[in-house]
Amino acid sequence: MENHHQAADAMITEAAPLHVRAGQAAEFEAAFLIAQSIIASMPGYLSHELQRCLERPDEYLLLVRWETLAAHETGFRKSPQYQEWKRLLHHFYEPFPVVSHFEQVPGVAGSRPRIEPPPG
């Protein structure tokens, strides 16, 4: 039973460094706003975020959290919806991204509580 509990708590983070063709950042972001509904509708999807690099405006980091590696590698990438994802986004990348998958190191996590400034 313990192994089943651990598997239920597992989560995979997909990390994709995205290099967008020069001058196409605005078009890429507009296309991503449409495409994100595709990935968010997939079984095993948990959350995602897209971050823009401050130093290099044509570079992004896409982080997607999945319940399992198979939810991404098989469920999403082998789905009909992936073809639409590709159509919307893949022509922006130069070079094509190398995607990596990560898992949480047990016992290592934290965040600083956000303190709101006083009004006025």
PDB file of N, CA and C in Angstrom:
ATOM      1  N   MET A   1       0.824  -1.192   0.000  1.00  0.00           N
ATOM      2  CA  MET A   1       0.000   0.000   0.000  1.00  0.00           C
ATOM      3  C   MET A   1       0.866   1.253   0.000  1.00  0.00           C
ATOM      4  N   GLU A   2       2.002   1.219   0.684  1.00  0.00           N
ATOM      5  CA  GLU A   2       2.881   2.378   0.756  1.00  0.00           C
ATOM      6  C   GLU A   2       3.371   2.782  -0.629  1.00  0.00           C
ATOM      7  N   ASN A   3       3.743   1.821  -1.477  1.00  0.00           N
ATOM      8  CA  ASN A   3       4.207   2.148  -2.820  1.00  0.00           C
ATOM      9  C   ASN A   3       3.110   2.819  -3.642  1.00  0.00           C
ATOM     10  N   HIS A   4       1.865   2.366  -3.491  1.00  0.00           N
ATOM     11  CA  HIS A   4       0.769   2.980  -4.223  1.00  0.00           C
ATOM     12  C   HIS A   4       0.606   4.435  -3.801  1.00  0.00           C
ATOM     13  N   HIS A   5       0.733   4.710  -2.506  1.00  0.00           N
ATOM     14  CA  HIS A   5       0.609   6.083  -2.009  1.00  0.00           C
ATOM     15  C   HIS A   5       1.708   6.962  -2.594  1.00  0.00           C
ATOM     16  N   GLN A   6       2.929   6.468  -2.642  1.00  0.00           N
ATOM     17  CA  GLN A   6       4.020   7.265  -3.197  1.00  0.00           C
ATOM     18  C   GLN A   6       3.791   7.545  -4.678  1.00  0.00           C
ATOM     19  N   ALA A   7       3.324   6.570  -5.418  1.00  0.00           N
ATOM     20  CA  ALA A   7       3.082   6.779  -6.838  1.00  0.00           C
ATOM     21  C   ALA A   7       1.998   7.825  -7.052  1.00  0.00           C
ATOM     22  N   ALA A   8       0.979   7.841  -6.196  1.00  0.00           N
ATOM     23  CA  ALA A   8      -0.095   8.816  -6.341  1.00  0.00           C
ATOM     24  C   ALA A   8       0.413  10.234  -6.093  1.00  0.00           C
ATOM     25  N   ASP A   9       1.442  10.378  -5.263  1.00  0.00           N
ATOM     26  CA  ASP A   9       1.969  11.697  -4.946  1.00  0.00           C
ATOM     27  C   ASP A   9       3.044  12.163  -5.936  1.00  0.00           C
ATOM     28  N   ALA A  10       3.472  11.287  -6.828  1.00  0.00           N
ATOM     29  CA  ALA A  10       4.542  11.637  -7.759  1.00  0.00           C
ATOM     30  C   ALA A  10       4.073  12.722  -8.713  1.00  0.00           C
ATOM     31  N   MET A  11       5.008  13.554  -9.107  1.00  0.00           N
ATOM     32  CA  MET A  11       4.727  14.592 -10.085  1.00  0.00           C
ATOM     33  C   MET A  11       5.995  14.789 -10.897  1.00  0.00           C
ATOM     34  N   ILE A  12       5.837  15.017 -12.170  1.00  0.00           N
ATOM     35  CA  ILE A  12       6.956  15.246 -13.070  1.00  0.00           C
ATOM     36  C   ILE A  12       6.869  16.675 -13.584  1.00  0.00           C
ATOM     37  N   THR A  13       8.000  17.355 -13.638  1.00  0.00           N
ATOM     38  CA  THR A  13       8.048  18.675 -14.252  1.00  0.00           C
ATOM     39  C   THR A  13       8.794  18.568 -15.571  1.00  0.00           C
ATOM     40  N   GLU A  14       8.110  18.948 -16.632  1.00  0.00           N
ATOM     41  CA  GLU A  14       8.715  19.042 -17.964  1.00  0.00           C
ATOM     42  C   GLU A  14       9.320  20.438 -18.069  1.00  0.00           C
ATOM     43  N   ALA A  15      10.587  20.523 -18.446  1.00  0.00           N
ATOM     44  CA  ALA A  15      11.256  21.813 -18.638  1.00  0.00           C
ATOM     45  C   ALA A  15      11.723  21.906 -20.080  1.00  0.00           C
ATOM     46  N   ALA A  16      11.233  22.934 -20.775  1.00  0.00           N
ATOM     47  CA  ALA A  16      11.578  23.119 -22.179  1.00  0.00           C
ATOM     48  C   ALA A  16      12.129  24.533 -22.372  1.00  0.00           C
ATOM     49  N   PRO A  17      13.449  24.663 -22.567  1.00  0.00           N
ATOM     50  CA  PRO A  17      13.996  25.978 -22.921  1.00  0.00           C
ATOM     51  C   PRO A  17      13.675  26.268 -24.383  1.00  0.00           C
ATOM     52  N   LEU A  18      12.964  27.349 -24.627  1.00  0.00           N
ATOM     53  CA  LEU A  18      12.479  27.664 -25.965  1.00  0.00           C
ATOM     54  C   LEU A  18      13.231  28.857 -26.535  1.00  0.00           C
ATOM     55  N   HIS A  19      13.850  28.675 -27.691  1.00  0.00           N
ATOM     56  CA  HIS A  19      14.551  29.745 -28.396  1.00  0.00           C
ATOM     57  C   HIS A  19      13.682  30.119 -29.597  1.00  0.00           C
ATOM     58  N   VAL A  20      13.054  31.278 -29.501  1.00  0.00           N
ATOM     59  CA  VAL A  20      12.129  31.739 -30.531  1.00  0.00           C
ATOM     60  C   VAL A  20      12.916  32.528 -31.579  1.00  0.00           C
ATOM     61  N   ARG A  21      12.552  32.356 -32.829  1.00  0.00           N
ATOM     62  CA  ARG A  21      13.222  33.079 -33.918  1.00  0.00           C
ATOM     63  C   ARG A  21      13.199  34.578 -33.636  1.00  0.00           C
ATOM     64  N   ALA A  22      14.298  35.254 -33.927  1.00  0.00           N
ATOM     65  CA  ALA A  22      14.445  36.679 -33.635  1.00  0.00           C
ATOM     66  C   ALA A  22      13.281  37.477 -34.211  1.00  0.00           C
ATOM     67  N   GLY A  23      12.752  38.360 -33.390  1.00  0.00           N
ATOM     68  CA  GLY A  23      11.689  39.246 -33.825  1.00  0.00           C
ATOM     69  C   GLY A  23      10.296  38.642 -33.800  1.00  0.00           C
ATOM     70  N   GLN A  24      10.157  37.386 -33.353  1.00  0.00           N
ATOM     71  CA  GLN A  24       8.848  36.729 -33.376  1.00  0.00           C
ATOM     72  C   GLN A  24       8.271  36.492 -31.983  1.00  0.00           C
ATOM     73  N   ALA A  25       8.839  37.152 -30.976  1.00  0.00           N
ATOM     74  CA  ALA A  25       8.399  36.912 -29.598  1.00  0.00           C
ATOM     75  C   ALA A  25       6.917  37.246 -29.410  1.00  0.00           C
ATOM     76  N   ALA A  26       6.466  38.384 -29.916  1.00  0.00           N
ATOM     77  CA  ALA A  26       5.065  38.777 -29.730  1.00  0.00           C
ATOM     78  C   ALA A  26       4.120  37.780 -30.398  1.00  0.00           C
ATOM     79  N   GLU A  27       4.466  37.331 -31.607  1.00  0.00           N
ATOM     80  CA  GLU A  27       3.638  36.362 -32.307  1.00  0.00           C
ATOM     81  C   GLU A  27       3.629  35.019 -31.576  1.00  0.00           C
ATOM     82  N   PHE A  28       4.802  34.628 -31.052  1.00  0.00           N
ATOM     83  CA  PHE A  28       4.883  33.387 -30.289  1.00  0.00           C
ATOM     84  C   PHE A  28       3.989  33.458 -29.055  1.00  0.00           C
ATOM     85  N   GLU A  29       4.073  34.551 -28.309  1.00  0.00           N
ATOM     86  CA  GLU A  29       3.264  34.678 -27.097  1.00  0.00           C
ATOM     87  C   GLU A  29       1.774  34.645 -27.423  1.00  0.00           C
ATOM     88  N   ALA A  30       1.372  35.278 -28.508  1.00  0.00           N
ATOM     89  CA  ALA A  30      -0.033  35.253 -28.919  1.00  0.00           C
ATOM     90  C   ALA A  30      -0.467  33.826 -29.268  1.00  0.00           C
ATOM     91  N   ALA A  31       0.373  33.084 -29.978  1.00  0.00           N
ATOM     92  CA  ALA A  31       0.058  31.698 -30.333  1.00  0.00           C
ATOM     93  C   ALA A  31       0.015  30.817 -29.086  1.00  0.00           C
ATOM     94  N   PHE A  32       0.915  31.088 -28.132  1.00  0.00           N
ATOM     95  CA  PHE A  32       0.937  30.285 -26.911  1.00  0.00           C
ATOM     96  C   PHE A  32      -0.338  30.489 -26.097  1.00  0.00           C
ATOM     97  N   LEU A  33      -0.871  31.714 -26.088  1.00  0.00           N
ATOM     98  CA  LEU A  33      -2.122  31.968 -25.366  1.00  0.00           C
ATOM     99  C   LEU A  33      -3.239  31.070 -25.886  1.00  0.00           C
ATOM    100  N   ILE A  34      -3.220  30.776 -27.173  1.00  0.00           N
ATOM    101  CA  ILE A  34      -4.204  29.869 -27.763  1.00  0.00           C
ATOM    102  C   ILE A  34      -3.834  28.417 -27.442  1.00  0.00           C
ATOM    103  N   ALA A  35      -2.574  28.067 -27.628  1.00  0.00           N
ATOM    104  CA  ALA A  35      -2.121  26.674 -27.483  1.00  0.00           C
ATOM    105  C   ALA A  35      -2.223  26.164 -26.048  1.00  0.00           C
ATOM    106  N   GLN A  36      -2.119  27.054 -25.070  1.00  0.00           N
ATOM    107  CA  GLN A  36      -2.105  26.575 -23.684  1.00  0.00           C
ATOM    108  C   GLN A  36      -3.396  25.839 -23.304  1.00  0.00           C
ATOM    109  N   SER A  37      -4.510  26.162 -23.955  1.00  0.00           N
ATOM    110  CA  SER A  37      -5.744  25.446 -23.639  1.00  0.00           C
ATOM    111  C   SER A  37      -5.668  23.989 -24.093  1.00  0.00           C
ATOM    112  N   ILE A  38      -4.846  23.718 -25.107  1.00  0.00           N
ATOM    113  CA  ILE A  38      -4.676  22.337 -25.580  1.00  0.00           C
ATOM    114  C   ILE A  38      -3.999  21.505 -24.511  1.00  0.00           C
ATOM    115  N   ILE A  39      -2.858  21.984 -24.029  1.00  0.00           N
ATOM    116  CA  ILE A  39      -2.111  21.199 -23.052  1.00  0.00           C
ATOM    117  C   ILE A  39      -2.877  21.090 -21.731  1.00  0.00           C
ATOM    118  N   ALA A  40      -3.585  22.162 -21.368  1.00  0.00           N
ATOM    119  CA  ALA A  40      -4.321  22.159 -20.101  1.00  0.00           C
ATOM    120  C   ALA A  40      -5.487  21.176 -20.105  1.00  0.00           C
ATOM    121  N   SER A  41      -5.923  20.761 -21.293  1.00  0.00           N
ATOM    122  CA  SER A  41      -7.057  19.838 -21.387  1.00  0.00           C
ATOM    123  C   SER A  41      -6.633  18.370 -21.364  1.00  0.00           C
ATOM    124  N   MET A  42      -5.334  18.101 -21.333  1.00  0.00           N
ATOM    125  CA  MET A  42      -4.851  16.731 -21.454  1.00  0.00           C
ATOM    126  C   MET A  42      -4.940  15.954 -20.142  1.00  0.00           C
ATOM    127  N   PRO A  43      -5.262  14.662 -20.209  1.00  0.00           N
ATOM    128  CA  PRO A  43      -5.246  13.832 -18.998  1.00  0.00           C
ATOM    129  C   PRO A  43      -3.846  13.822 -18.381  1.00  0.00           C
ATOM    130  N   GLY A  44      -3.776  13.942 -17.079  1.00  0.00           N
ATOM    131  CA  GLY A  44      -2.495  13.927 -16.385  1.00  0.00           C
ATOM    132  C   GLY A  44      -1.834  15.285 -16.266  1.00  0.00           C
ATOM    133  N   TYR A  45      -2.394  16.313 -16.919  1.00  0.00           N
ATOM    134  CA  TYR A  45      -1.865  17.676 -16.810  1.00  0.00           C
ATOM    135  C   TYR A  45      -2.201  18.237 -15.439  1.00  0.00           C
ATOM    136  N   LEU A  46      -1.232  18.948 -14.818  1.00  0.00           N
ATOM    137  CA  LEU A  46      -1.475  19.589 -13.527  1.00  0.00           C
ATOM    138  C   LEU A  46      -1.399  21.110 -13.606  1.00  0.00           C
ATOM    139  N   SER A  47      -0.349  21.650 -14.226  1.00  0.00           N
ATOM    140  CA  SER A  47      -0.209  23.105 -14.330  1.00  0.00           C
ATOM    141  C   SER A  47       0.904  23.426 -15.315  1.00  0.00           C
ATOM    142  N   HIS A  48       0.982  24.704 -15.699  1.00  0.00           N
ATOM    143  CA  HIS A  48       2.087  25.140 -16.563  1.00  0.00           C
ATOM    144  C   HIS A  48       2.372  26.610 -16.329  1.00  0.00           C
ATOM    145  N   GLU A  49       3.559  27.012 -16.746  1.00  0.00           N
ATOM    146  CA  GLU A  49       3.925  28.427 -16.755  1.00  0.00           C
ATOM    147  C   GLU A  49       4.930  28.651 -17.863  1.00  0.00           C
ATOM    148  N   LEU A  50       4.882  29.841 -18.425  1.00  0.00           N
ATOM    149  CA  LEU A  50       5.819  30.242 -19.464  1.00  0.00           C
ATOM    150  C   LEU A  50       6.551  31.468 -18.953  1.00  0.00           C
ATOM    151  N   GLN A  51       7.878  31.390 -18.894  1.00  0.00           N
ATOM    152  CA  GLN A  51       8.685  32.494 -18.402  1.00  0.00           C
ATOM    153  C   GLN A  51       9.542  33.044 -19.531  1.00  0.00           C
ATOM    154  N   ARG A  52       9.643  34.375 -19.595  1.00  0.00           N
ATOM    155  CA  ARG A  52      10.458  35.071 -20.598  1.00  0.00           C
ATOM    156  C   ARG A  52      11.787  35.447 -19.959  1.00  0.00           C
ATOM    157  N   CYS A  53      12.870  35.235 -20.680  1.00  0.00           N
ATOM    158  CA  CYS A  53      14.207  35.571 -20.189  1.00  0.00           C
ATOM    159  C   CYS A  53      14.378  37.092 -20.175  1.00  0.00           C
ATOM    160  N   LEU A  54      14.902  37.627 -19.087  1.00  0.00           N
ATOM    161  CA  LEU A  54      15.120  39.066 -18.968  1.00  0.00           C
ATOM    162  C   LEU A  54      16.301  39.527 -19.805  1.00  0.00           C
ATOM    163  N   GLU A  55      17.341  38.703 -19.885  1.00  0.00           N
ATOM    164  CA  GLU A  55      18.546  39.101 -20.619  1.00  0.00           C
ATOM    165  C   GLU A  55      18.427  38.890 -22.125  1.00  0.00           C
ATOM    166  N   ARG A  56      17.695  37.868 -22.528  1.00  0.00           N
ATOM    167  CA  ARG A  56      17.573  37.519 -23.953  1.00  0.00           C
ATOM    168  C   ARG A  56      16.095  37.388 -24.284  1.00  0.00           C
ATOM    169  N   PRO A  57      15.478  38.432 -24.861  1.00  0.00           N
ATOM    170  CA  PRO A  57      14.015  38.472 -25.011  1.00  0.00           C
ATOM    171  C   PRO A  57      13.419  37.424 -25.942  1.00  0.00           C
ATOM    172  N   ASP A  58      14.220  36.715 -26.711  1.00  0.00           N
ATOM    173  CA  ASP A  58      13.691  35.661 -27.579  1.00  0.00           C
ATOM    174  C   ASP A  58      13.809  34.276 -26.934  1.00  0.00           C
ATOM    175  N   GLU A  59      14.170  34.224 -25.649  1.00  0.00           N
ATOM    176  CA  GLU A  59      14.288  32.949 -24.946  1.00  0.00           C
ATOM    177  C   GLU A  59      13.210  32.847 -23.872  1.00  0.00           C
ATOM    178  N   TYR A  60      12.658  31.643 -23.771  1.00  0.00           N
ATOM    179  CA  TYR A  60      11.590  31.356 -22.817  1.00  0.00           C
ATOM    180  C   TYR A  60      11.904  30.041 -22.109  1.00  0.00           C
ATOM    181  N   LEU A  61      11.233  29.845 -20.982  1.00  0.00           N
ATOM    182  CA  LEU A  61      11.285  28.568 -20.289  1.00  0.00           C
ATOM    183  C   LEU A  61       9.848  28.132 -20.048  1.00  0.00           C
ATOM    184  N   LEU A  62       9.486  26.994 -20.625  1.00  0.00           N
ATOM    185  CA  LEU A  62       8.167  26.414 -20.413  1.00  0.00           C
ATOM    186  C   LEU A  62       8.297  25.324 -19.364  1.00  0.00           C
ATOM    187  N   LEU A  63       7.514  25.433 -18.313  1.00  0.00           N
ATOM    188  CA  LEU A  63       7.459  24.425 -17.260  1.00  0.00           C
ATOM    189  C   LEU A  63       6.047  23.872 -17.222  1.00  0.00           C
ATOM    190  N   VAL A  64       5.935  22.545 -17.377  1.00  0.00           N
ATOM    191  CA  VAL A  64       4.629  21.891 -17.323  1.00  0.00           C
ATOM    192  C   VAL A  64       4.714  20.789 -16.277  1.00  0.00           C
ATOM    193  N   ARG A  65       3.753  20.764 -15.392  1.00  0.00           N
ATOM    194  CA  ARG A  65       3.704  19.734 -14.363  1.00  0.00           C
ATOM    195  C   ARG A  65       2.679  18.678 -14.774  1.00  0.00           C
ATOM    196  N   TRP A  66       3.144  17.430 -14.752  1.00  0.00           N
ATOM    197  CA  TRP A  66       2.340  16.280 -15.156  1.00  0.00           C
ATOM    198  C   TRP A  66       2.244  15.305 -13.988  1.00  0.00           C
ATOM    199  N   GLU A  67       1.173  14.541 -13.955  1.00  0.00           N
ATOM    200  CA  GLU A  67       1.041  13.511 -12.925  1.00  0.00           C
ATOM    201  C   GLU A  67       2.115  12.437 -13.089  1.00  0.00           C
ATOM    202  N   THR A  68       2.413  12.079 -14.343  1.00  0.00           N
ATOM    203  CA  THR A  68       3.398  11.036 -14.631  1.00  0.00           C
ATOM    204  C   THR A  68       4.165  11.394 -15.897  1.00  0.00           C
ATOM    205  N   LEU A  69       5.304  10.763 -16.097  1.00  0.00           N
ATOM    206  CA  LEU A  69       6.063  10.931 -17.329  1.00  0.00           C
ATOM    207  C   LEU A  69       5.241  10.457 -18.528  1.00  0.00           C
ATOM    208  N   ALA A  70       4.522   9.354 -18.360  1.00  0.00           N
ATOM    209  CA  ALA A  70       3.719   8.818 -19.455  1.00  0.00           C
ATOM    210  C   ALA A  70       2.611   9.779 -19.881  1.00  0.00           C
ATOM    211  N   ALA A  71       2.083  10.573 -18.955  1.00  0.00           N
ATOM    212  CA  ALA A  71       1.039  11.533 -19.317  1.00  0.00           C
ATOM    213  C   ALA A  71       1.557  12.511 -20.365  1.00  0.00           C
ATOM    214  N   HIS A  72       2.837  12.875 -20.271  1.00  0.00           N
ATOM    215  CA  HIS A  72       3.425  13.772 -21.266  1.00  0.00           C
ATOM    216  C   HIS A  72       3.907  13.009 -22.494  1.00  0.00           C
ATOM    217  N   GLU A  73       4.771  12.046 -22.270  1.00  0.00           N
ATOM    218  CA  GLU A  73       5.449  11.366 -23.374  1.00  0.00           C
ATOM    219  C   GLU A  73       4.492  10.562 -24.253  1.00  0.00           C
ATOM    220  N   THR A  74       3.522   9.916 -23.649  1.00  0.00           N
ATOM    221  CA  THR A  74       2.594   9.083 -24.412  1.00  0.00           C
ATOM    222  C   THR A  74       1.253   9.788 -24.575  1.00  0.00           C
ATOM    223  N   GLY A  75       0.659  10.177 -23.449  1.00  0.00           N
ATOM    224  CA  GLY A  75      -0.677  10.763 -23.489  1.00  0.00           C
ATOM    225  C   GLY A  75      -0.767  12.009 -24.350  1.00  0.00           C
ATOM    226  N   PHE A  76       0.167  12.953 -24.170  1.00  0.00           N
ATOM    227  CA  PHE A  76       0.113  14.198 -24.923  1.00  0.00           C
ATOM    228  C   PHE A  76       0.785  14.068 -26.282  1.00  0.00           C
ATOM    229  N   ARG A  77       2.019  13.611 -26.312  1.00  0.00           N
ATOM    230  CA  ARG A  77       2.772  13.609 -27.569  1.00  0.00           C
ATOM    231  C   ARG A  77       2.224  12.666 -28.624  1.00  0.00           C
ATOM    232  N   LYS A  78       1.458  11.668 -28.227  1.00  0.00           N
ATOM    233  CA  LYS A  78       0.881  10.740 -29.201  1.00  0.00           C
ATOM    234  C   LYS A  78      -0.605  11.025 -29.443  1.00  0.00           C
ATOM    235  N   SER A  79      -1.082  12.176 -28.957  1.00  0.00           N
ATOM    236  CA  SER A  79      -2.500  12.515 -29.094  1.00  0.00           C
ATOM    237  C   SER A  79      -2.748  13.329 -30.358  1.00  0.00           C
ATOM    238  N   PRO A  80      -3.994  13.319 -30.851  1.00  0.00           N
ATOM    239  CA  PRO A  80      -4.353  14.194 -31.976  1.00  0.00           C
ATOM    240  C   PRO A  80      -4.169  15.674 -31.619  1.00  0.00           C
ATOM    241  N   GLN A  81      -4.379  16.024 -30.348  1.00  0.00           N
ATOM    242  CA  GLN A  81      -4.241  17.414 -29.925  1.00  0.00           C
ATOM    243  C   GLN A  81      -2.807  17.920 -30.088  1.00  0.00           C
ATOM    244  N   TYR A  82      -1.839  17.000 -29.996  1.00  0.00           N
ATOM    245  CA  TYR A  82      -0.438  17.398 -30.143  1.00  0.00           C
ATOM    246  C   TYR A  82      -0.166  17.941 -31.544  1.00  0.00           C
ATOM    247  N   GLN A  83      -0.882  17.446 -32.528  1.00  0.00           N
ATOM    248  CA  GLN A  83      -0.681  17.935 -33.898  1.00  0.00           C
ATOM    249  C   GLN A  83      -1.065  19.408 -34.002  1.00  0.00           C
ATOM    250  N   GLU A  84      -2.119  19.807 -33.311  1.00  0.00           N
ATOM    251  CA  GLU A  84      -2.518  21.210 -33.301  1.00  0.00           C
ATOM    252  C   GLU A  84      -1.512  22.050 -32.517  1.00  0.00           C
ATOM    253  N   TRP A  85      -1.006  21.535 -31.394  1.00  0.00           N
ATOM    254  CA  TRP A  85       0.044  22.191 -30.615  1.00  0.00           C
ATOM    255  C   TRP A  85       1.256  22.460 -31.511  1.00  0.00           C
ATOM    256  N   LYS A  86       1.681  21.426 -32.247  1.00  0.00           N
ATOM    257  CA  LYS A  86       2.814  21.569 -33.170  1.00  0.00           C
ATOM    258  C   LYS A  86       2.533  22.635 -34.216  1.00  0.00           C
ATOM    259  N   ARG A  87       1.332  22.605 -34.805  1.00  0.00           N
ATOM    260  CA  ARG A  87       0.982  23.559 -35.855  1.00  0.00           C
ATOM    261  C   ARG A  87       1.049  25.002 -35.337  1.00  0.00           C
ATOM    262  N   LEU A  88       0.611  25.211 -34.108  1.00  0.00           N
ATOM    263  CA  LEU A  88       0.589  26.558 -33.539  1.00  0.00           C
ATOM    264  C   LEU A  88       1.975  27.060 -33.136  1.00  0.00           C
ATOM    265  N   LEU A  89       2.850  26.161 -32.641  1.00  0.00           N
ATOM    266  CA  LEU A  89       4.063  26.620 -31.964  1.00  0.00           C
ATOM    267  C   LEU A  89       5.394  26.225 -32.580  1.00  0.00           C
ATOM    268  N   HIS A  90       5.495  25.053 -33.173  1.00  0.00           N
ATOM    269  CA  HIS A  90       6.822  24.530 -33.509  1.00  0.00           C
ATOM    270  C   HIS A  90       7.575  25.363 -34.543  1.00  0.00           C
ATOM    271  N   HIS A  91       6.891  26.103 -35.395  1.00  0.00           N
ATOM    272  CA  HIS A  91       7.599  26.897 -36.403  1.00  0.00           C
ATOM    273  C   HIS A  91       8.310  28.115 -35.805  1.00  0.00           C
ATOM    274  N   PHE A  92       8.064  28.428 -34.541  1.00  0.00           N
ATOM    275  CA  PHE A  92       8.743  29.558 -33.896  1.00  0.00           C
ATOM    276  C   PHE A  92      10.140  29.198 -33.391  1.00  0.00           C
ATOM    277  N   TYR A  93      10.440  27.913 -33.207  1.00  0.00           N
ATOM    278  CA  TYR A  93      11.659  27.500 -32.503  1.00  0.00           C
ATOM    279  C   TYR A  93      12.855  27.364 -33.431  1.00  0.00           C
ATOM    280  N   GLU A  94      13.982  27.936 -32.996  1.00  0.00           N
ATOM    281  CA  GLU A  94      15.248  27.784 -33.717  1.00  0.00           C
ATOM    282  C   GLU A  94      16.390  27.905 -32.720  1.00  0.00           C
ATOM    283  N   PRO A  95      17.019  26.801 -32.345  1.00  0.00           N
ATOM    284  CA  PRO A  95      16.765  25.416 -32.767  1.00  0.00           C
ATOM    285  C   PRO A  95      15.579  24.814 -32.015  1.00  0.00           C
ATOM    286  N   PHE A  96      15.210  23.596 -32.394  1.00  0.00           N
ATOM    287  CA  PHE A  96      14.112  22.914 -31.718  1.00  0.00           C
ATOM    288  C   PHE A  96      14.541  22.581 -30.294  1.00  0.00           C
ATOM    289  N   PRO A  97      13.661  22.758 -29.298  1.00  0.00           N
ATOM    290  CA  PRO A  97      14.063  22.579 -27.902  1.00  0.00           C
ATOM    291  C   PRO A  97      14.366  21.128 -27.526  1.00  0.00           C
ATOM    292  N   VAL A  98      15.284  20.999 -26.595  1.00  0.00           N
ATOM    293  CA  VAL A  98      15.551  19.716 -25.949  1.00  0.00           C
ATOM    294  C   VAL A  98      14.782  19.740 -24.631  1.00  0.00           C
ATOM    295  N   VAL A  99      13.803  18.861 -24.503  1.00  0.00           N
ATOM    296  CA  VAL A  99      12.932  18.825 -23.333  1.00  0.00           C
ATOM    297  C   VAL A  99      13.503  17.849 -22.317  1.00  0.00           C
ATOM    298  N   SER A 100      13.493  18.243 -21.047  1.00  0.00           N
ATOM    299  CA  SER A 100      13.936  17.386 -19.953  1.00  0.00           C
ATOM    300  C   SER A 100      12.798  17.231 -18.957  1.00  0.00           C
ATOM    301  N   HIS A 101      12.855  16.154 -18.185  1.00  0.00           N
ATOM    302  CA  HIS A 101      11.846  15.873 -17.166  1.00  0.00           C
ATOM    303  C   HIS A 101      12.528  15.764 -15.812  1.00  0.00           C
ATOM    304  N   PHE A 102      11.899  16.323 -14.797  1.00  0.00           N
ATOM    305  CA  PHE A 102      12.465  16.354 -13.459  1.00  0.00           C
ATOM    306  C   PHE A 102      11.446  15.852 -12.451  1.00  0.00           C
ATOM    307  N   GLU A 103      11.975  15.315 -11.337  1.00  0.00           N
ATOM    308  CA  GLU A 103      11.115  14.931 -10.227  1.00  0.00           C
ATOM    309  C   GLU A 103      11.635  15.596  -8.961  1.00  0.00           C
ATOM    310  N   GLN A 104      10.722  15.829  -8.018  1.00  0.00           N
ATOM    311  CA  GLN A 104      11.044  16.489  -6.770  1.00  0.00           C
ATOM    312  C   GLN A 104      12.023  15.643  -5.955  1.00  0.00           C
ATOM    313  N   VAL A 105      13.029  16.278  -5.378  1.00  0.00           N
ATOM    314  CA  VAL A 105      13.924  15.609  -4.442  1.00  0.00           C
ATOM    315  C   VAL A 105      13.193  15.562  -3.103  1.00  0.00           C
ATOM    316  N   PRO A 106      12.993  14.372  -2.538  1.00  0.00           N
ATOM    317  CA  PRO A 106      12.217  14.254  -1.298  1.00  0.00           C
ATOM    318  C   PRO A 106      12.768  15.143  -0.181  1.00  0.00           C
ATOM    319  N   GLY A 107      11.872  15.848   0.482  1.00  0.00           N
ATOM    320  CA  GLY A 107      12.232  16.658   1.637  1.00  0.00           C
ATOM    321  C   GLY A 107      12.806  18.025   1.310  1.00  0.00           C
ATOM    322  N   VAL A 108      12.978  18.346   0.025  1.00  0.00           N
ATOM    323  CA  VAL A 108      13.582  19.628  -0.348  1.00  0.00           C
ATOM    324  C   VAL A 108      12.529  20.473  -1.065  1.00  0.00           C
ATOM    325  N   ALA A 109      12.002  21.456  -0.367  1.00  0.00           N
ATOM    326  CA  ALA A 109      11.034  22.385  -0.950  1.00  0.00           C
ATOM    327  C   ALA A 109      10.827  23.524   0.033  1.00  0.00           C
ATOM    328  N   GLY A 110      10.350  24.618  -0.460  1.00  0.00           N
ATOM    329  CA  GLY A 110      10.050  25.741   0.420  1.00  0.00           C
ATOM    330  C   GLY A 110       9.669  26.955  -0.377  1.00  0.00           C
ATOM    331  N   SER A 111       9.158  27.931   0.323  1.00  0.00           N
ATOM    332  CA  SER A 111       8.857  29.220  -0.284  1.00  0.00           C
ATOM    333  C   SER A 111       8.789  30.255   0.826  1.00  0.00           C
ATOM    334  N   ARG A 112       9.088  31.458   0.469  1.00  0.00           N
ATOM    335  CA  ARG A 112       9.030  32.550   1.415  1.00  0.00           C
ATOM    336  C   ARG A 112       7.603  33.086   1.441  1.00  0.00           C
ATOM    337  N   PRO A 113       7.058  33.299   2.634  1.00  0.00           N
ATOM    338  CA  PRO A 113       5.705  33.877   2.683  1.00  0.00           C
ATOM    339  C   PRO A 113       5.698  35.261   2.066  1.00  0.00           C
ATOM    340  N   ARG A 114       4.695  35.548   1.273  1.00  0.00           N
ATOM    341  CA  ARG A 114       4.580  36.869   0.641  1.00  0.00           C
ATOM    342  C   ARG A 114       3.997  37.832   1.664  1.00  0.00           C
ATOM    343  N   ILE A 115       4.716  38.915   1.879  1.00  0.00           N
ATOM    344  CA  ILE A 115       4.244  39.942   2.824  1.00  0.00           C
ATOM    345  C   ILE A 115       3.775  41.140   2.010  1.00  0.00           C
ATOM    346  N   GLU A 116       2.516  41.463   2.165  1.00  0.00           N
ATOM    347  CA  GLU A 116       1.934  42.584   1.438  1.00  0.00           C
ATOM    348  C   GLU A 116       2.358  43.891   2.103  1.00  0.00           C
ATOM    349  N   PRO A 117       2.718  44.892   1.306  1.00  0.00           N
ATOM    350  CA  PRO A 117       3.061  46.183   1.900  1.00  0.00           C
ATOM    351  C   PRO A 117       1.829  46.823   2.520  1.00  0.00           C
ATOM    352  N   PRO A 118       2.044  47.625   3.560  1.00  0.00           N
ATOM    353  CA  PRO A 118       0.885  48.278   4.183  1.00  0.00           C
ATOM    354  C   PRO A 118       0.224  49.255   3.215  1.00  0.00           C
ATOM    355  N   PRO A 119      -1.090  49.402   3.271  1.00  0.00           N
ATOM    356  CA  PRO A 119      -1.776  50.325   2.366  1.00  0.00           C
ATOM    357  C   PRO A 119      -1.334  51.771   2.604  1.00  0.00           C
ATOM    358  N   GLY A 120      -1.338  52.534   1.532  1.00  0.00           N
ATOM    359  CA  GLY A 120      -1.075  53.967   1.651  1.00  0.00           C
ATOM    360  C   GLY A 120       0.355  54.273   1.487  1.00  0.00           C
TER     361      GLY A 120
END
